[in-house]
Amino acid sequence: MNSWLNAIDGIIPGGISTEDFVVITKTDKPTARKMLQELAANNIGKFDGDTIQFDEGDKIQASILAIKKGVLIDEIAKHLDWKDFEGLAAKVMEANGFSTIRNLILTKPRMEIDVVGIRLGVAMLIDCKHWKKTTSSALATIAQKQIERTKQYVAKTKGAIAAPVIVTLYQDKISFVDRVPIVPIFQLGAFLDEFYGNLENIHTIEKESQ
């Protein structure tokens, strides 16, 4: 199990040699090569036998793989940061045909939106919750804050129709709080596939006609 936590530390965007991966992951070369081969077999990085190329988002993909192997989420969380999480959310959206904006800042009042995805005239505003377990009441507060960010976005964006969405690692299935979807990162692709067919069930905000 610990070897997978070490492997997560070794996933750095760009090219890395097997030797450097050995040093970073504090393992031996046969173990490192085996991990790199398994990562590549799961479409995490491109391994040519000597070096591996990692992309943004690969670290969280490896984390999801580690979860499937039984590594505790609490342990994985210590090896990740918010950029890893937001990077994967944006990557999944782009793969599903969305144009994305990361870390959009709104002013008066100042608010930050982690990821905005736009497709077919509708914006999806994603708040990525970074590795913290939450209670039902806390989720309700998080959902309400994202609704407020979405209202601000619509007010400041011409012709916008937008939906607030929360993406998390801890959920085991898609749920809704005040019609705001709470989506586990590993189900984000499936959620995007069905997003437009489910709009009537999702809290959407549109600028009122003047």
N, C-alpha and C. Protein backbone atom coordinates (compact mmCIF):
# COMPACT_ATOMS: atom_id res chain seq x y z
N MET A 1 0.82 -1.20 0.00
CA MET A 1 0.00 0.00 0.00
C MET A 1 0.86 1.27 0.00
N ASN A 2 1.91 1.28 0.85
CA ASN A 2 2.76 2.45 0.93
C ASN A 2 3.44 2.75 -0.39
N SER A 3 3.72 1.71 -1.19
CA SER A 3 4.38 1.94 -2.47
C SER A 3 3.51 2.81 -3.38
N TRP A 4 2.18 2.66 -3.28
CA TRP A 4 1.30 3.48 -4.10
C TRP A 4 1.27 4.93 -3.64
N LEU A 5 1.39 5.15 -2.34
CA LEU A 5 1.49 6.52 -1.85
C LEU A 5 2.79 7.15 -2.34
N ASN A 6 3.87 6.38 -2.33
CA ASN A 6 5.14 6.88 -2.85
C ASN A 6 5.04 7.16 -4.35
N ALA A 7 4.32 6.30 -5.07
CA ALA A 7 4.16 6.50 -6.52
C ALA A 7 3.45 7.81 -6.81
N ILE A 8 2.46 8.16 -6.00
CA ILE A 8 1.75 9.43 -6.19
C ILE A 8 2.71 10.60 -6.09
N ASP A 9 3.65 10.53 -5.14
CA ASP A 9 4.64 11.60 -4.99
C ASP A 9 5.53 11.73 -6.23
N GLY A 10 5.72 10.61 -6.94
CA GLY A 10 6.61 10.61 -8.10
C GLY A 10 5.96 11.11 -9.38
N ILE A 11 4.67 11.38 -9.34
CA ILE A 11 3.97 11.82 -10.55
C ILE A 11 4.08 13.34 -10.67
N ILE A 12 5.00 13.76 -11.50
CA ILE A 12 5.31 15.17 -11.72
C ILE A 12 5.10 15.47 -13.20
N PRO A 13 4.26 16.46 -13.55
CA PRO A 13 4.04 16.76 -14.97
C PRO A 13 5.34 17.00 -15.72
N GLY A 14 5.43 16.40 -16.90
CA GLY A 14 6.65 16.47 -17.69
C GLY A 14 7.32 15.10 -17.73
N GLY A 15 8.54 15.06 -18.23
CA GLY A 15 9.26 13.80 -18.33
C GLY A 15 10.10 13.52 -17.09
N ILE A 16 10.10 12.27 -16.67
CA ILE A 16 10.92 11.87 -15.52
C ILE A 16 11.53 10.51 -15.84
N SER A 17 12.81 10.34 -15.53
CA SER A 17 13.48 9.08 -15.80
C SER A 17 13.14 8.05 -14.73
N THR A 18 13.35 6.79 -15.06
CA THR A 18 13.12 5.72 -14.09
C THR A 18 13.99 5.94 -12.85
N GLU A 19 15.25 6.37 -13.08
CA GLU A 19 16.17 6.58 -11.96
C GLU A 19 15.66 7.67 -11.02
N ASP A 20 15.15 8.77 -11.59
CA ASP A 20 14.62 9.85 -10.75
C ASP A 20 13.36 9.39 -10.01
N PHE A 21 12.55 8.58 -10.69
CA PHE A 21 11.34 8.06 -10.06
C PHE A 21 11.70 7.18 -8.86
N VAL A 22 12.79 6.40 -8.99
CA VAL A 22 13.28 5.56 -7.88
C VAL A 22 13.62 6.43 -6.68
N VAL A 23 14.33 7.53 -6.93
CA VAL A 23 14.77 8.41 -5.84
C VAL A 23 13.57 9.07 -5.16
N ILE A 24 12.65 9.61 -5.97
CA ILE A 24 11.51 10.35 -5.42
C ILE A 24 10.58 9.43 -4.63
N THR A 25 10.39 8.21 -5.14
CA THR A 25 9.45 7.29 -4.50
C THR A 25 10.10 6.42 -3.42
N LYS A 26 11.41 6.59 -3.23
CA LYS A 26 12.14 5.84 -2.18
C LYS A 26 11.94 4.33 -2.33
N THR A 27 12.11 3.85 -3.55
CA THR A 27 11.95 2.43 -3.81
C THR A 27 13.14 1.93 -4.61
N ASP A 28 13.09 0.67 -5.06
CA ASP A 28 14.17 0.14 -5.89
C ASP A 28 13.73 0.13 -7.35
N LYS A 29 14.69 -0.08 -8.25
CA LYS A 29 14.40 0.04 -9.68
C LYS A 29 13.36 -0.98 -10.18
N PRO A 30 13.44 -2.28 -9.79
CA PRO A 30 12.42 -3.22 -10.26
C PRO A 30 11.01 -2.83 -9.82
N THR A 31 10.88 -2.37 -8.56
CA THR A 31 9.58 -1.95 -8.06
C THR A 31 9.09 -0.71 -8.81
N ALA A 32 10.01 0.23 -9.04
CA ALA A 32 9.65 1.46 -9.75
C ALA A 32 9.18 1.16 -11.17
N ARG A 33 9.91 0.29 -11.86
CA ARG A 33 9.53 -0.06 -13.24
C ARG A 33 8.15 -0.74 -13.26
N LYS A 34 7.90 -1.60 -12.27
CA LYS A 34 6.61 -2.28 -12.20
C LYS A 34 5.47 -1.27 -11.99
N MET A 35 5.71 -0.28 -11.10
CA MET A 35 4.70 0.75 -10.86
C MET A 35 4.47 1.60 -12.10
N LEU A 36 5.55 1.97 -12.77
CA LEU A 36 5.42 2.80 -13.97
C LEU A 36 4.67 2.05 -15.07
N GLN A 37 4.96 0.76 -15.22
CA GLN A 37 4.26 -0.04 -16.22
C GLN A 37 2.78 -0.15 -15.90
N GLU A 38 2.45 -0.31 -14.61
CA GLU A 38 1.03 -0.41 -14.24
C GLU A 38 0.33 0.93 -14.41
N LEU A 39 1.01 2.01 -14.08
CA LEU A 39 0.42 3.34 -14.31
C LEU A 39 0.12 3.53 -15.79
N ALA A 40 1.09 3.25 -16.63
CA ALA A 40 0.91 3.42 -18.08
C ALA A 40 -0.20 2.51 -18.61
N ALA A 41 -0.31 1.31 -18.07
CA ALA A 41 -1.36 0.37 -18.49
C ALA A 41 -2.74 0.89 -18.14
N ASN A 42 -2.81 1.80 -17.15
CA ASN A 42 -4.08 2.41 -16.76
C ASN A 42 -4.21 3.83 -17.32
N ASN A 43 -3.45 4.09 -18.42
CA ASN A 43 -3.51 5.39 -19.11
C ASN A 43 -3.09 6.55 -18.21
N ILE A 44 -2.15 6.27 -17.31
CA ILE A 44 -1.57 7.30 -16.46
C ILE A 44 -0.11 7.44 -16.85
N GLY A 45 0.21 8.44 -17.65
CA GLY A 45 1.56 8.63 -18.15
C GLY A 45 1.85 7.76 -19.37
N LYS A 46 2.90 8.11 -20.08
CA LYS A 46 3.35 7.35 -21.25
C LYS A 46 4.77 6.89 -20.99
N PHE A 47 4.96 5.58 -20.85
CA PHE A 47 6.23 5.00 -20.43
C PHE A 47 6.88 4.30 -21.61
N ASP A 48 8.15 4.67 -21.89
CA ASP A 48 8.86 4.05 -23.01
C ASP A 48 9.91 3.04 -22.55
N GLY A 49 9.89 2.72 -21.26
CA GLY A 49 10.85 1.78 -20.70
C GLY A 49 11.99 2.44 -19.98
N ASP A 50 12.19 3.73 -20.25
CA ASP A 50 13.27 4.46 -19.59
C ASP A 50 12.76 5.74 -18.93
N THR A 51 11.90 6.48 -19.65
CA THR A 51 11.32 7.70 -19.10
C THR A 51 9.79 7.62 -19.21
N ILE A 52 9.14 8.40 -18.37
CA ILE A 52 7.67 8.46 -18.43
C ILE A 52 7.25 9.92 -18.49
N GLN A 53 6.27 10.20 -19.31
CA GLN A 53 5.71 11.54 -19.46
C GLN A 53 4.38 11.61 -18.72
N PHE A 54 4.31 12.49 -17.73
CA PHE A 54 3.06 12.67 -17.00
C PHE A 54 2.40 13.98 -17.41
N ASP A 55 1.07 13.99 -17.41
CA ASP A 55 0.30 15.19 -17.69
C ASP A 55 -0.36 15.69 -16.41
N GLU A 56 -0.81 16.94 -16.45
CA GLU A 56 -1.59 17.48 -15.34
C GLU A 56 -2.85 16.61 -15.18
N GLY A 57 -3.16 16.25 -13.98
CA GLY A 57 -4.31 15.38 -13.74
C GLY A 57 -3.93 13.94 -13.52
N ASP A 58 -2.70 13.54 -13.93
CA ASP A 58 -2.29 12.14 -13.76
C ASP A 58 -2.16 11.76 -12.29
N LYS A 59 -1.78 12.73 -11.46
CA LYS A 59 -1.61 12.39 -10.04
C LYS A 59 -2.94 11.98 -9.42
N ILE A 60 -4.00 12.68 -9.77
CA ILE A 60 -5.28 12.31 -9.18
C ILE A 60 -5.83 11.03 -9.80
N GLN A 61 -5.51 10.81 -11.08
CA GLN A 61 -5.90 9.53 -11.69
C GLN A 61 -5.22 8.38 -10.97
N ALA A 62 -3.95 8.57 -10.62
CA ALA A 62 -3.23 7.54 -9.86
C ALA A 62 -3.83 7.38 -8.47
N SER A 63 -4.32 8.47 -7.90
CA SER A 63 -4.94 8.40 -6.58
C SER A 63 -6.21 7.57 -6.62
N ILE A 64 -7.00 7.75 -7.67
CA ILE A 64 -8.23 6.96 -7.82
C ILE A 64 -7.88 5.48 -7.99
N LEU A 65 -6.81 5.20 -8.74
CA LEU A 65 -6.35 3.83 -8.89
C LEU A 65 -5.93 3.25 -7.54
N ALA A 66 -5.24 4.07 -6.75
CA ALA A 66 -4.80 3.62 -5.42
C ALA A 66 -5.99 3.33 -4.51
N ILE A 67 -7.04 4.14 -4.61
CA ILE A 67 -8.25 3.90 -3.82
C ILE A 67 -8.83 2.54 -4.17
N LYS A 68 -8.86 2.22 -5.47
CA LYS A 68 -9.39 0.94 -5.91
C LYS A 68 -8.55 -0.22 -5.37
N LYS A 69 -7.28 0.06 -5.08
CA LYS A 69 -6.38 -0.98 -4.54
C LYS A 69 -6.46 -1.06 -3.02
N GLY A 70 -7.31 -0.23 -2.42
CA GLY A 70 -7.52 -0.31 -0.98
C GLY A 70 -6.77 0.69 -0.14
N VAL A 71 -6.06 1.63 -0.78
CA VAL A 71 -5.36 2.65 0.00
C VAL A 71 -6.40 3.62 0.56
N LEU A 72 -6.26 4.00 1.82
CA LEU A 72 -7.21 4.88 2.47
C LEU A 72 -7.16 6.29 1.89
N ILE A 73 -8.35 6.85 1.66
CA ILE A 73 -8.42 8.20 1.10
C ILE A 73 -7.72 9.22 1.99
N ASP A 74 -7.87 9.07 3.31
CA ASP A 74 -7.22 10.00 4.23
C ASP A 74 -5.71 10.03 4.03
N GLU A 75 -5.11 8.87 3.74
CA GLU A 75 -3.68 8.81 3.50
C GLU A 75 -3.32 9.44 2.15
N ILE A 76 -4.13 9.16 1.15
CA ILE A 76 -3.88 9.72 -0.18
C ILE A 76 -3.94 11.25 -0.14
N ALA A 77 -4.89 11.77 0.63
CA ALA A 77 -5.10 13.22 0.69
C ALA A 77 -3.83 13.98 1.09
N LYS A 78 -3.00 13.34 1.90
CA LYS A 78 -1.77 13.99 2.36
C LYS A 78 -0.76 14.18 1.23
N HIS A 79 -0.97 13.47 0.12
CA HIS A 79 -0.01 13.50 -0.98
C HIS A 79 -0.50 14.33 -2.17
N LEU A 80 -1.59 15.06 -1.97
CA LEU A 80 -2.19 15.81 -3.07
C LEU A 80 -2.41 17.26 -2.67
N ASP A 81 -2.59 18.12 -3.66
CA ASP A 81 -2.97 19.50 -3.37
C ASP A 81 -4.14 19.91 -4.27
N TRP A 82 -4.64 21.11 -4.04
CA TRP A 82 -5.85 21.56 -4.74
C TRP A 82 -5.64 21.65 -6.24
N LYS A 83 -4.42 21.94 -6.68
CA LYS A 83 -4.17 22.05 -8.12
C LYS A 83 -4.38 20.71 -8.82
N ASP A 84 -3.98 19.61 -8.16
CA ASP A 84 -4.17 18.28 -8.74
C ASP A 84 -5.65 18.03 -9.00
N PHE A 85 -6.46 18.36 -8.02
CA PHE A 85 -7.89 18.10 -8.09
C PHE A 85 -8.56 18.94 -9.17
N GLU A 86 -8.28 20.25 -9.15
CA GLU A 86 -8.88 21.14 -10.15
C GLU A 86 -8.38 20.81 -11.55
N GLY A 87 -7.13 20.40 -11.64
CA GLY A 87 -6.57 20.05 -12.95
C GLY A 87 -7.30 18.89 -13.58
N LEU A 88 -7.62 17.87 -12.77
CA LEU A 88 -8.34 16.72 -13.31
C LEU A 88 -9.76 17.10 -13.70
N ALA A 89 -10.43 17.90 -12.86
CA ALA A 89 -11.81 18.32 -13.18
C ALA A 89 -11.84 19.04 -14.53
N ALA A 90 -10.89 19.95 -14.74
CA ALA A 90 -10.83 20.67 -16.01
C ALA A 90 -10.52 19.72 -17.17
N LYS A 91 -9.63 18.78 -16.93
CA LYS A 91 -9.24 17.82 -17.97
C LYS A 91 -10.44 16.96 -18.40
N VAL A 92 -11.23 16.51 -17.42
CA VAL A 92 -12.41 15.69 -17.72
C VAL A 92 -13.42 16.51 -18.51
N MET A 93 -13.60 17.78 -18.13
CA MET A 93 -14.55 18.63 -18.84
C MET A 93 -14.11 18.86 -20.29
N GLU A 94 -12.84 19.12 -20.48
CA GLU A 94 -12.33 19.35 -21.84
C GLU A 94 -12.50 18.11 -22.70
N ALA A 95 -12.30 16.93 -22.09
CA ALA A 95 -12.47 15.68 -22.83
C ALA A 95 -13.93 15.46 -23.23
N ASN A 96 -14.84 16.14 -22.52
CA ASN A 96 -16.26 16.03 -22.82
C ASN A 96 -16.78 17.22 -23.63
N GLY A 97 -15.86 17.96 -24.26
CA GLY A 97 -16.25 19.02 -25.18
C GLY A 97 -16.51 20.37 -24.58
N PHE A 98 -16.14 20.58 -23.30
CA PHE A 98 -16.34 21.87 -22.66
C PHE A 98 -15.11 22.75 -22.86
N SER A 99 -15.34 24.05 -23.05
CA SER A 99 -14.27 25.03 -22.93
C SER A 99 -14.14 25.37 -21.45
N THR A 100 -12.93 25.48 -20.95
CA THR A 100 -12.77 25.68 -19.51
C THR A 100 -11.97 26.92 -19.16
N ILE A 101 -12.28 27.45 -17.98
CA ILE A 101 -11.52 28.55 -17.37
C ILE A 101 -11.20 28.10 -15.95
N ARG A 102 -9.94 28.23 -15.54
CA ARG A 102 -9.54 27.85 -14.19
C ARG A 102 -9.42 29.09 -13.33
N ASN A 103 -9.84 28.96 -12.06
CA ASN A 103 -9.64 29.99 -11.04
C ASN A 103 -10.11 31.37 -11.51
N LEU A 104 -11.36 31.44 -11.92
CA LEU A 104 -11.95 32.70 -12.38
C LEU A 104 -12.26 33.58 -11.16
N ILE A 105 -11.76 34.81 -11.19
CA ILE A 105 -11.98 35.76 -10.10
C ILE A 105 -13.10 36.73 -10.48
N LEU A 106 -14.11 36.82 -9.60
CA LEU A 106 -15.15 37.83 -9.74
C LEU A 106 -14.89 38.92 -8.69
N THR A 107 -15.28 40.13 -8.99
CA THR A 107 -15.05 41.23 -8.05
C THR A 107 -16.36 41.88 -7.63
N LYS A 108 -16.31 42.56 -6.50
CA LYS A 108 -17.44 43.34 -5.96
C LYS A 108 -18.72 42.52 -5.84
N PRO A 109 -18.78 41.58 -4.94
CA PRO A 109 -17.75 41.13 -4.00
C PRO A 109 -16.77 40.16 -4.66
N ARG A 110 -15.58 40.03 -4.06
CA ARG A 110 -14.57 39.14 -4.62
C ARG A 110 -14.95 37.69 -4.36
N MET A 111 -15.02 36.92 -5.44
CA MET A 111 -15.29 35.49 -5.35
C MET A 111 -14.41 34.78 -6.36
N GLU A 112 -14.05 33.54 -6.05
CA GLU A 112 -13.25 32.74 -6.97
C GLU A 112 -14.00 31.46 -7.32
N ILE A 113 -14.03 31.16 -8.61
CA ILE A 113 -14.66 29.93 -9.09
C ILE A 113 -13.55 29.01 -9.56
N ASP A 114 -13.51 27.78 -9.03
CA ASP A 114 -12.39 26.87 -9.32
C ASP A 114 -12.29 26.55 -10.80
N VAL A 115 -13.39 26.07 -11.38
CA VAL A 115 -13.39 25.70 -12.80
C VAL A 115 -14.74 26.10 -13.40
N VAL A 116 -14.68 26.80 -14.54
CA VAL A 116 -15.88 27.09 -15.32
C VAL A 116 -15.79 26.29 -16.61
N GLY A 117 -16.83 25.51 -16.89
CA GLY A 117 -16.90 24.77 -18.15
C GLY A 117 -18.10 25.25 -18.94
N ILE A 118 -17.90 25.55 -20.23
CA ILE A 118 -18.98 26.09 -21.05
C ILE A 118 -19.17 25.22 -22.28
N ARG A 119 -20.43 24.84 -22.51
CA ARG A 119 -20.76 24.05 -23.69
C ARG A 119 -22.23 24.25 -24.01
N LEU A 120 -22.54 24.41 -25.29
CA LEU A 120 -23.91 24.56 -25.77
C LEU A 120 -24.66 25.67 -25.04
N GLY A 121 -23.94 26.75 -24.76
CA GLY A 121 -24.58 27.93 -24.18
C GLY A 121 -24.85 27.87 -22.70
N VAL A 122 -24.42 26.81 -22.04
CA VAL A 122 -24.63 26.69 -20.59
C VAL A 122 -23.27 26.58 -19.90
N ALA A 123 -23.09 27.34 -18.82
CA ALA A 123 -21.85 27.28 -18.04
C ALA A 123 -22.07 26.41 -16.81
N MET A 124 -21.11 25.56 -16.54
CA MET A 124 -21.11 24.76 -15.31
C MET A 124 -20.02 25.32 -14.41
N LEU A 125 -20.40 25.77 -13.22
CA LEU A 125 -19.45 26.36 -12.30
C LEU A 125 -19.12 25.35 -11.21
N ILE A 126 -17.88 24.89 -11.22
CA ILE A 126 -17.47 23.80 -10.32
C ILE A 126 -16.66 24.32 -9.14
N ASP A 127 -17.06 23.87 -7.96
CA ASP A 127 -16.30 24.09 -6.73
C ASP A 127 -15.69 22.75 -6.35
N CYS A 128 -14.37 22.66 -6.35
CA CYS A 128 -13.68 21.41 -6.01
C CYS A 128 -13.39 21.39 -4.51
N LYS A 129 -13.98 20.43 -3.82
CA LYS A 129 -13.74 20.32 -2.38
C LYS A 129 -12.55 19.40 -2.16
N HIS A 130 -11.52 19.95 -1.56
CA HIS A 130 -10.23 19.28 -1.52
C HIS A 130 -10.08 18.38 -0.31
N TRP A 131 -10.56 17.14 -0.46
CA TRP A 131 -10.19 16.07 0.45
C TRP A 131 -10.77 16.15 1.84
N LYS A 132 -11.75 16.99 2.08
CA LYS A 132 -12.31 17.07 3.43
C LYS A 132 -13.67 16.40 3.48
N LYS A 133 -13.83 15.49 4.44
CA LYS A 133 -15.14 14.90 4.66
C LYS A 133 -16.07 15.98 5.21
N THR A 134 -17.34 15.93 4.80
CA THR A 134 -18.26 16.96 5.22
C THR A 134 -19.56 16.36 5.72
N THR A 135 -20.21 17.08 6.63
CA THR A 135 -21.51 16.68 7.12
C THR A 135 -22.59 17.19 6.17
N SER A 136 -23.81 16.74 6.38
CA SER A 136 -24.93 17.18 5.53
C SER A 136 -25.12 18.69 5.66
N SER A 137 -25.02 19.23 6.87
CA SER A 137 -25.20 20.66 7.06
C SER A 137 -24.08 21.46 6.41
N ALA A 138 -22.86 20.92 6.47
CA ALA A 138 -21.74 21.60 5.82
C ALA A 138 -21.91 21.59 4.30
N LEU A 139 -22.39 20.47 3.76
CA LEU A 139 -22.64 20.40 2.32
C LEU A 139 -23.69 21.41 1.90
N ALA A 140 -24.72 21.59 2.73
CA ALA A 140 -25.77 22.57 2.42
C ALA A 140 -25.17 23.98 2.35
N THR A 141 -24.26 24.29 3.27
CA THR A 141 -23.61 25.60 3.27
C THR A 141 -22.73 25.76 2.04
N ILE A 142 -21.98 24.71 1.70
CA ILE A 142 -21.12 24.74 0.51
C ILE A 142 -21.95 24.94 -0.75
N ALA A 143 -23.08 24.24 -0.84
CA ALA A 143 -23.96 24.37 -2.01
C ALA A 143 -24.51 25.79 -2.12
N GLN A 144 -24.91 26.36 -0.99
CA GLN A 144 -25.47 27.72 -1.01
C GLN A 144 -24.42 28.73 -1.45
N LYS A 145 -23.19 28.56 -0.99
CA LYS A 145 -22.12 29.48 -1.41
C LYS A 145 -21.87 29.38 -2.91
N GLN A 146 -21.96 28.15 -3.45
CA GLN A 146 -21.75 27.99 -4.89
C GLN A 146 -22.91 28.59 -5.68
N ILE A 147 -24.11 28.52 -5.13
CA ILE A 147 -25.25 29.19 -5.77
C ILE A 147 -24.99 30.70 -5.82
N GLU A 148 -24.48 31.27 -4.74
CA GLU A 148 -24.19 32.70 -4.71
C GLU A 148 -23.11 33.06 -5.73
N ARG A 149 -22.07 32.23 -5.86
CA ARG A 149 -21.03 32.49 -6.87
C ARG A 149 -21.64 32.44 -8.27
N THR A 150 -22.53 31.50 -8.47
CA THR A 150 -23.17 31.34 -9.78
C THR A 150 -24.03 32.56 -10.10
N LYS A 151 -24.75 33.08 -9.12
CA LYS A 151 -25.55 34.30 -9.32
C LYS A 151 -24.66 35.47 -9.71
N GLN A 152 -23.52 35.59 -9.05
CA GLN A 152 -22.58 36.66 -9.37
C GLN A 152 -22.03 36.51 -10.78
N TYR A 153 -21.68 35.28 -11.14
CA TYR A 153 -21.16 35.01 -12.48
C TYR A 153 -22.20 35.41 -13.54
N VAL A 154 -23.44 35.01 -13.35
CA VAL A 154 -24.50 35.31 -14.32
C VAL A 154 -24.73 36.82 -14.40
N ALA A 155 -24.70 37.49 -13.26
CA ALA A 155 -24.93 38.93 -13.23
C ALA A 155 -23.85 39.70 -14.01
N LYS A 156 -22.64 39.13 -14.04
CA LYS A 156 -21.51 39.83 -14.67
C LYS A 156 -21.16 39.29 -16.06
N THR A 157 -21.92 38.31 -16.55
CA THR A 157 -21.59 37.66 -17.83
C THR A 157 -22.78 37.75 -18.77
N LYS A 158 -22.60 38.43 -19.86
CA LYS A 158 -23.69 38.68 -20.80
C LYS A 158 -24.28 37.37 -21.34
N GLY A 159 -25.60 37.26 -21.23
CA GLY A 159 -26.30 36.11 -21.80
C GLY A 159 -26.04 34.78 -21.13
N ALA A 160 -25.52 34.82 -19.89
CA ALA A 160 -25.10 33.56 -19.25
C ALA A 160 -26.29 32.79 -18.67
N ILE A 161 -26.22 31.49 -18.85
CA ILE A 161 -27.05 30.54 -18.12
C ILE A 161 -26.05 29.61 -17.43
N ALA A 162 -26.18 29.44 -16.13
CA ALA A 162 -25.14 28.70 -15.40
C ALA A 162 -25.74 27.81 -14.33
N ALA A 163 -25.00 26.75 -14.01
CA ALA A 163 -25.41 25.78 -12.99
C ALA A 163 -24.26 25.57 -12.01
N PRO A 164 -24.53 25.64 -10.70
CA PRO A 164 -23.50 25.36 -9.70
C PRO A 164 -23.34 23.85 -9.50
N VAL A 165 -22.10 23.40 -9.37
CA VAL A 165 -21.80 21.98 -9.17
C VAL A 165 -20.66 21.86 -8.15
N ILE A 166 -20.76 20.88 -7.25
CA ILE A 166 -19.68 20.58 -6.31
C ILE A 166 -19.05 19.25 -6.73
N VAL A 167 -17.72 19.22 -6.83
CA VAL A 167 -17.01 17.98 -7.16
C VAL A 167 -16.13 17.61 -5.96
N THR A 168 -16.21 16.35 -5.55
CA THR A 168 -15.50 15.91 -4.36
C THR A 168 -14.90 14.52 -4.58
N LEU A 169 -13.98 14.13 -3.74
CA LEU A 169 -13.41 12.79 -3.79
C LEU A 169 -14.17 11.84 -2.86
N TYR A 170 -14.73 12.36 -1.79
CA TYR A 170 -15.26 11.50 -0.74
C TYR A 170 -16.61 10.88 -1.04
N GLN A 171 -17.42 11.52 -1.86
CA GLN A 171 -18.73 10.95 -2.17
C GLN A 171 -18.57 9.61 -2.89
N ASP A 172 -19.49 8.69 -2.66
CA ASP A 172 -19.44 7.43 -3.39
C ASP A 172 -20.49 7.37 -4.48
N LYS A 173 -21.37 8.38 -4.54
CA LYS A 173 -22.36 8.46 -5.61
C LYS A 173 -22.81 9.90 -5.77
N ILE A 174 -23.42 10.21 -6.90
CA ILE A 174 -23.92 11.55 -7.15
C ILE A 174 -25.15 11.80 -6.26
N SER A 175 -25.18 12.96 -5.62
CA SER A 175 -26.33 13.33 -4.82
C SER A 175 -26.64 14.81 -5.09
N PHE A 176 -27.72 15.30 -4.50
CA PHE A 176 -28.13 16.68 -4.71
C PHE A 176 -28.43 17.34 -3.37
N VAL A 177 -28.01 18.60 -3.22
CA VAL A 177 -28.35 19.41 -2.06
C VAL A 177 -28.92 20.72 -2.60
N ASP A 178 -30.18 20.98 -2.32
CA ASP A 178 -30.85 22.16 -2.88
C ASP A 178 -30.71 22.21 -4.40
N ARG A 179 -30.83 21.04 -5.01
CA ARG A 179 -30.74 20.87 -6.47
C ARG A 179 -29.36 21.20 -7.03
N VAL A 180 -28.37 21.28 -6.14
CA VAL A 180 -26.97 21.43 -6.58
C VAL A 180 -26.35 20.04 -6.59
N PRO A 181 -25.83 19.60 -7.73
CA PRO A 181 -25.22 18.26 -7.78
C PRO A 181 -23.92 18.19 -6.98
N ILE A 182 -23.78 17.12 -6.20
CA ILE A 182 -22.54 16.80 -5.50
C ILE A 182 -21.98 15.57 -6.21
N VAL A 183 -20.87 15.75 -6.93
CA VAL A 183 -20.41 14.72 -7.87
C VAL A 183 -19.04 14.19 -7.47
N PRO A 184 -18.91 12.88 -7.26
CA PRO A 184 -17.57 12.32 -7.02
C PRO A 184 -16.72 12.46 -8.29
N ILE A 185 -15.46 12.77 -8.11
CA ILE A 185 -14.60 13.04 -9.27
C ILE A 185 -14.57 11.86 -10.23
N PHE A 186 -14.65 10.63 -9.71
CA PHE A 186 -14.57 9.48 -10.61
C PHE A 186 -15.86 9.28 -11.41
N GLN A 187 -16.93 10.02 -11.07
CA GLN A 187 -18.17 9.93 -11.83
C GLN A 187 -18.44 11.21 -12.63
N LEU A 188 -17.47 12.13 -12.66
CA LEU A 188 -17.69 13.41 -13.33
C LEU A 188 -17.96 13.22 -14.82
N GLY A 189 -17.22 12.33 -15.48
CA GLY A 189 -17.42 12.11 -16.91
C GLY A 189 -18.83 11.65 -17.21
N ALA A 190 -19.35 10.70 -16.42
CA ALA A 190 -20.71 10.20 -16.62
C ALA A 190 -21.73 11.30 -16.35
N PHE A 191 -21.47 12.11 -15.34
CA PHE A 191 -22.37 13.23 -15.03
C PHE A 191 -22.43 14.21 -16.19
N LEU A 192 -21.28 14.51 -16.78
CA LEU A 192 -21.25 15.44 -17.91
C LEU A 192 -22.01 14.89 -19.11
N ASP A 193 -21.91 13.58 -19.33
CA ASP A 193 -22.63 12.95 -20.43
C ASP A 193 -24.14 13.18 -20.32
N GLU A 194 -24.64 13.17 -19.09
CA GLU A 194 -26.08 13.26 -18.86
C GLU A 194 -26.53 14.66 -18.43
N PHE A 195 -25.59 15.60 -18.37
CA PHE A 195 -25.87 16.93 -17.81
C PHE A 195 -27.03 17.62 -18.50
N TYR A 196 -27.00 17.69 -19.83
CA TYR A 196 -28.03 18.46 -20.55
C TYR A 196 -29.39 17.78 -20.50
N GLY A 197 -29.41 16.46 -20.38
CA GLY A 197 -30.68 15.75 -20.24
C GLY A 197 -31.28 15.90 -18.86
N ASN A 198 -30.45 16.32 -17.88
CA ASN A 198 -30.92 16.43 -16.49
C ASN A 198 -31.06 17.88 -16.02
N LEU A 199 -31.00 18.83 -16.94
CA LEU A 199 -31.00 20.24 -16.54
C LEU A 199 -32.23 20.62 -15.72
N GLU A 200 -33.37 19.97 -16.01
CA GLU A 200 -34.59 20.34 -15.27
C GLU A 200 -34.49 19.95 -13.79
N ASN A 201 -33.57 19.06 -13.45
CA ASN A 201 -33.39 18.65 -12.06
C ASN A 201 -32.28 19.41 -11.35
N ILE A 202 -31.60 20.30 -12.09
CA ILE A 202 -30.43 21.00 -11.57
C ILE A 202 -30.75 22.48 -11.40
N HIS A 203 -30.26 23.06 -10.31
CA HIS A 203 -30.45 24.49 -10.05
C HIS A 203 -29.69 25.29 -11.11
N THR A 204 -30.39 25.91 -12.03
CA THR A 204 -29.77 26.75 -13.05
C THR A 204 -30.19 28.20 -12.83
N ILE A 205 -29.29 29.10 -13.18
CA ILE A 205 -29.51 30.53 -12.94
C ILE A 205 -29.32 31.26 -14.26
N GLU A 206 -30.25 32.14 -14.58
CA GLU A 206 -30.22 32.91 -15.81
C GLU A 206 -30.51 34.35 -15.48
N LYS A 207 -29.82 35.26 -16.17
CA LYS A 207 -30.04 36.68 -15.89
C LYS A 207 -31.48 37.05 -16.26
N GLU A 208 -32.13 37.74 -15.35
CA GLU A 208 -33.51 38.15 -15.61
C GLU A 208 -33.54 39.23 -16.68
N SER A 209 -34.60 39.21 -17.51
CA SER A 209 -34.76 40.22 -18.55
C SER A 209 -35.00 41.58 -17.91
N GLN A 210 -34.38 42.57 -18.50
CA GLN A 210 -34.54 43.93 -17.98
C GLN A 210 -35.86 44.53 -18.43
